[in-house]
Amino acid sequence: MATNYTTNYDLCQWESTDQVLRTDFNADNAKIDAALFALDSAMVKLCTGTYVGDGDESRTVSVPFPPRAVFLCTQYGETYRDIGSGHVYGGLALAGHPLRHKNCDALVISDTGFTVYQYSIDNLSAIQMNLDGVTYQYIAVG
């Protein structure tokens, strides 16, 4: 059994005369595991990327963690163009709060990434987040 313990996490610090016990190592490992888990859970995760639109009606992009927020724009920084009732090229979505235009989904977050859409709403407005040949860039926050 250890005679001394560390200040911050109360981990064993053995003296040369202390008997080393397996249970001390197991207890220390459990403390370290809990501290690392708490640290990892508290860290903000970021992921950036691009994709080139293929014109399909929807496209799913995977990211390495469940995102809490996604911001998307074209390579020129466009998110919206006012042409009549407007065309949406990007914007901000939050988990549970998709980016919508005229009550239509434009960008929806899932546990594995996000899905963008490409379609006309009416003859004056459209969701255009997967235009064929257009490069889009995004940042995902977890």
C-alpha atoms as a PDB file:
ATOM      1  CA  MET A   1       0.000   0.000   0.000  1.00  0.00           C
ATOM      2  CA  ALA A   2       1.309   3.453  -0.921  1.00  0.00           C
ATOM      3  CA  THR A   3       2.464   5.843   1.755  1.00  0.00           C
ATOM      4  CA  ASN A   4       2.070   9.036  -0.316  1.00  0.00           C
ATOM      5  CA  TYR A   5      -0.407  10.245  -2.928  1.00  0.00           C
ATOM      6  CA  THR A   6      -0.288  12.897  -5.660  1.00  0.00           C
ATOM      7  CA  THR A   7      -1.847  16.283  -4.904  1.00  0.00           C
ATOM      8  CA  ASN A   8      -4.324  16.586  -7.774  1.00  0.00           C
ATOM      9  CA  TYR A   9      -5.641  13.081  -8.473  1.00  0.00           C
ATOM     10  CA  ASP A  10      -4.702  11.216  -5.303  1.00  0.00           C
ATOM     11  CA  LEU A  11      -2.640   8.668  -7.240  1.00  0.00           C
ATOM     12  CA  CYS A  12      -0.290   6.317  -5.414  1.00  0.00           C
ATOM     13  CA  GLN A  13       3.295   7.409  -4.767  1.00  0.00           C
ATOM     14  CA  TRP A  14       5.237   4.501  -3.309  1.00  0.00           C
ATOM     15  CA  GLU A  15       8.220   4.724  -1.027  1.00  0.00           C
ATOM     16  CA  SER A  16      10.926   2.072  -1.363  1.00  0.00           C
ATOM     17  CA  THR A  17       9.613   0.360   1.762  1.00  0.00           C
ATOM     18  CA  ASP A  18       5.934   0.275   0.628  1.00  0.00           C
ATOM     19  CA  GLN A  19       4.325  -2.958  -0.457  1.00  0.00           C
ATOM     20  CA  VAL A  20       3.024  -2.522  -4.039  1.00  0.00           C
ATOM     21  CA  LEU A  21      -0.518  -3.861  -4.444  1.00  0.00           C
ATOM     22  CA  ARG A  22      -2.402  -4.669  -7.643  1.00  0.00           C
ATOM     23  CA  THR A  23      -5.529  -3.015  -6.202  1.00  0.00           C
ATOM     24  CA  ASP A  24      -3.608   0.289  -5.923  1.00  0.00           C
ATOM     25  CA  PHE A  25      -2.778   0.132  -9.649  1.00  0.00           C
ATOM     26  CA  ASN A  26      -6.396  -0.687 -10.522  1.00  0.00           C
ATOM     27  CA  ALA A  27      -7.683   2.223  -8.414  1.00  0.00           C
ATOM     28  CA  ASP A  28      -5.164   4.611 -10.032  1.00  0.00           C
ATOM     29  CA  ASN A  29      -6.119   3.418 -13.525  1.00  0.00           C
ATOM     30  CA  ALA A  30      -9.823   3.984 -12.771  1.00  0.00           C
ATOM     31  CA  LYS A  31      -9.069   7.565 -11.646  1.00  0.00           C
ATOM     32  CA  ILE A  32      -6.966   8.250 -14.752  1.00  0.00           C
ATOM     33  CA  ASP A  33      -9.646   6.765 -17.013  1.00  0.00           C
ATOM     34  CA  ALA A  34     -12.370   8.939 -15.439  1.00  0.00           C
ATOM     35  CA  ALA A  35     -10.233  12.089 -15.725  1.00  0.00           C
ATOM     36  CA  LEU A  36      -9.399  11.420 -19.396  1.00  0.00           C
ATOM     37  CA  PHE A  37     -13.061  10.712 -20.193  1.00  0.00           C
ATOM     38  CA  ALA A  38     -14.142  13.985 -18.550  1.00  0.00           C
ATOM     39  CA  LEU A  39     -11.450  15.868 -20.479  1.00  0.00           C
ATOM     40  CA  ASP A  40     -12.431  14.286 -23.795  1.00  0.00           C
ATOM     41  CA  SER A  41     -16.132  14.994 -23.178  1.00  0.00           C
ATOM     42  CA  ALA A  42     -15.411  18.652 -22.434  1.00  0.00           C
ATOM     43  CA  MET A  43     -13.272  19.242 -25.533  1.00  0.00           C
ATOM     44  CA  VAL A  44     -14.758  20.990 -28.554  1.00  0.00           C
ATOM     45  CA  LYS A  45     -14.205  18.982 -31.717  1.00  0.00           C
ATOM     46  CA  LEU A  46     -13.788  20.689 -35.107  1.00  0.00           C
ATOM     47  CA  CYS A  47     -13.777  19.280 -38.605  1.00  0.00           C
ATOM     48  CA  THR A  48     -13.459  21.146 -41.886  1.00  0.00           C
ATOM     49  CA  GLY A  49     -13.893  19.883 -45.406  1.00  0.00           C
ATOM     50  CA  THR A  50     -15.148  20.404 -48.919  1.00  0.00           C
ATOM     51  CA  TYR A  51     -17.245  18.552 -51.447  1.00  0.00           C
ATOM     52  CA  VAL A  52     -18.080  19.149 -55.101  1.00  0.00           C
ATOM     53  CA  GLY A  53     -21.789  19.078 -55.838  1.00  0.00           C
ATOM     54  CA  ASP A  54     -23.075  16.323 -58.113  1.00  0.00           C
ATOM     55  CA  GLY A  55     -26.598  17.661 -58.712  1.00  0.00           C
ATOM     56  CA  ASP A  56     -28.347  14.842 -56.839  1.00  0.00           C
ATOM     57  CA  GLU A  57     -31.431  15.752 -54.786  1.00  0.00           C
ATOM     58  CA  SER A  58     -29.590  14.989 -51.528  1.00  0.00           C
ATOM     59  CA  ARG A  59     -26.083  14.295 -50.366  1.00  0.00           C
ATOM     60  CA  THR A  60     -24.821  13.032 -47.017  1.00  0.00           C
ATOM     61  CA  VAL A  61     -21.429  14.090 -45.687  1.00  0.00           C
ATOM     62  CA  SER A  62     -19.828  12.073 -42.868  1.00  0.00           C
ATOM     63  CA  VAL A  63     -17.729  13.641 -40.120  1.00  0.00           C
ATOM     64  CA  PRO A  64     -15.687  11.835 -37.416  1.00  0.00           C
ATOM     65  CA  PHE A  65     -17.982  12.817 -34.498  1.00  0.00           C
ATOM     66  CA  PRO A  66     -21.652  13.689 -33.890  1.00  0.00           C
ATOM     67  CA  PRO A  67     -21.830  17.377 -34.868  1.00  0.00           C
ATOM     68  CA  ARG A  68     -23.647  19.951 -32.753  1.00  0.00           C
ATOM     69  CA  ALA A  69     -23.380  22.631 -35.452  1.00  0.00           C
ATOM     70  CA  VAL A  70     -22.504  22.825 -39.160  1.00  0.00           C
ATOM     71  CA  PHE A  71     -21.820  25.942 -41.214  1.00  0.00           C
ATOM     72  CA  LEU A  72     -21.758  25.519 -44.994  1.00  0.00           C
ATOM     73  CA  CYS A  73     -21.088  27.919 -47.868  1.00  0.00           C
ATOM     74  CA  THR A  74     -19.837  27.859 -51.454  1.00  0.00           C
ATOM     75  CA  GLN A  75     -16.109  28.266 -52.099  1.00  0.00           C
ATOM     76  CA  TYR A  76     -16.897  31.955 -52.684  1.00  0.00           C
ATOM     77  CA  GLY A  77     -18.534  32.329 -49.262  1.00  0.00           C
ATOM     78  CA  GLU A  78     -22.100  32.432 -50.589  1.00  0.00           C
ATOM     79  CA  THR A  79     -24.940  31.236 -48.396  1.00  0.00           C
ATOM     80  CA  TYR A  80     -27.889  33.062 -49.978  1.00  0.00           C
ATOM     81  CA  ARG A  81     -28.748  34.973 -53.119  1.00  0.00           C
ATOM     82  CA  ASP A  82     -31.882  37.081 -53.383  1.00  0.00           C
ATOM     83  CA  ILE A  83     -33.284  36.145 -56.762  1.00  0.00           C
ATOM     84  CA  GLY A  84     -37.018  36.686 -56.405  1.00  0.00           C
ATOM     85  CA  SER A  85     -37.719  34.694 -53.258  1.00  0.00           C
ATOM     86  CA  GLY A  86     -34.110  33.589 -52.773  1.00  0.00           C
ATOM     87  CA  HIS A  87     -31.758  30.706 -53.395  1.00  0.00           C
ATOM     88  CA  VAL A  88     -30.048  29.070 -50.428  1.00  0.00           C
ATOM     89  CA  TYR A  89     -26.450  27.870 -50.947  1.00  0.00           C
ATOM     90  CA  GLY A  90     -25.498  27.349 -47.301  1.00  0.00           C
ATOM     91  CA  GLY A  91     -25.896  28.602 -43.761  1.00  0.00           C
ATOM     92  CA  LEU A  92     -25.866  27.393 -40.169  1.00  0.00           C
ATOM     93  CA  ALA A  93     -27.667  24.352 -38.797  1.00  0.00           C
ATOM     94  CA  LEU A  94     -27.684  23.096 -35.219  1.00  0.00           C
ATOM     95  CA  ALA A  95     -28.413  19.588 -33.982  1.00  0.00           C
ATOM     96  CA  GLY A  96     -32.199  19.406 -33.746  1.00  0.00           C
ATOM     97  CA  HIS A  97     -32.565  22.709 -35.628  1.00  0.00           C
ATOM     98  CA  PRO A  98     -32.051  22.175 -39.363  1.00  0.00           C
ATOM     99  CA  LEU A  99     -31.383  24.973 -41.826  1.00  0.00           C
ATOM    100  CA  ARG A 100     -34.688  25.540 -43.608  1.00  0.00           C
ATOM    101  CA  HIS A 101     -36.001  27.830 -46.356  1.00  0.00           C
ATOM    102  CA  LYS A 102     -39.748  28.297 -46.870  1.00  0.00           C
ATOM    103  CA  ASN A 103     -40.424  25.348 -44.532  1.00  0.00           C
ATOM    104  CA  CYS A 104     -38.169  23.039 -46.577  1.00  0.00           C
ATOM    105  CA  ASP A 105     -35.074  21.281 -45.235  1.00  0.00           C
ATOM    106  CA  ALA A 106     -31.781  22.539 -46.661  1.00  0.00           C
ATOM    107  CA  LEU A 107     -29.185  21.128 -44.211  1.00  0.00           C
ATOM    108  CA  VAL A 108     -29.986  18.532 -41.546  1.00  0.00           C
ATOM    109  CA  ILE A 109     -27.533  17.247 -38.921  1.00  0.00           C
ATOM    110  CA  SER A 110     -27.384  13.556 -37.961  1.00  0.00           C
ATOM    111  CA  ASP A 111     -25.237  11.558 -35.527  1.00  0.00           C
ATOM    112  CA  THR A 112     -22.740  10.736 -38.281  1.00  0.00           C
ATOM    113  CA  GLY A 113     -22.618  14.008 -40.235  1.00  0.00           C
ATOM    114  CA  PHE A 114     -25.108  16.063 -42.207  1.00  0.00           C
ATOM    115  CA  THR A 115     -27.321  15.936 -45.283  1.00  0.00           C
ATOM    116  CA  VAL A 116     -27.761  18.753 -47.793  1.00  0.00           C
ATOM    117  CA  TYR A 117     -30.497  19.105 -50.392  1.00  0.00           C
ATOM    118  CA  GLN A 118     -30.878  20.325 -53.961  1.00  0.00           C
ATOM    119  CA  TYR A 119     -34.303  21.202 -55.384  1.00  0.00           C
ATOM    120  CA  SER A 120     -36.578  23.995 -56.554  1.00  0.00           C
ATOM    121  CA  ILE A 121     -39.228  25.141 -54.093  1.00  0.00           C
ATOM    122  CA  ASP A 122     -41.128  27.245 -56.618  1.00  0.00           C
ATOM    123  CA  ASN A 123     -40.207  29.127 -59.778  1.00  0.00           C
ATOM    124  CA  LEU A 124     -38.472  31.897 -57.746  1.00  0.00           C
ATOM    125  CA  SER A 125     -36.676  30.039 -54.935  1.00  0.00           C
ATOM    126  CA  ALA A 126     -34.537  26.950 -54.503  1.00  0.00           C
ATOM    127  CA  ILE A 127     -32.311  25.045 -52.149  1.00  0.00           C
ATOM    128  CA  GLN A 128     -29.012  24.696 -53.996  1.00  0.00           C
ATOM    129  CA  MET A 129     -26.578  22.975 -51.677  1.00  0.00           C
ATOM    130  CA  ASN A 130     -25.470  20.285 -54.122  1.00  0.00           C
ATOM    131  CA  LEU A 131     -25.242  22.096 -57.461  1.00  0.00           C
ATOM    132  CA  ASP A 132     -23.362  20.066 -60.048  1.00  0.00           C
ATOM    133  CA  GLY A 133     -19.719  21.196 -60.201  1.00  0.00           C
ATOM    134  CA  VAL A 134     -19.931  23.756 -57.379  1.00  0.00           C
ATOM    135  CA  THR A 135     -17.419  23.395 -54.535  1.00  0.00           C
ATOM    136  CA  TYR A 136     -18.871  23.762 -51.049  1.00  0.00           C
ATOM    137  CA  GLN A 137     -16.893  24.157 -47.829  1.00  0.00           C
ATOM    138  CA  TYR A 138     -18.006  23.407 -44.307  1.00  0.00           C
ATOM    139  CA  ILE A 139     -16.997  23.459 -40.681  1.00  0.00           C
ATOM    140  CA  ALA A 140     -18.567  21.010 -38.234  1.00  0.00           C
ATOM    141  CA  VAL A 141     -18.435  21.535 -34.466  1.00  0.00           C
ATOM    142  CA  GLY A 142     -18.933  18.671 -32.032  1.00  0.00           C
END
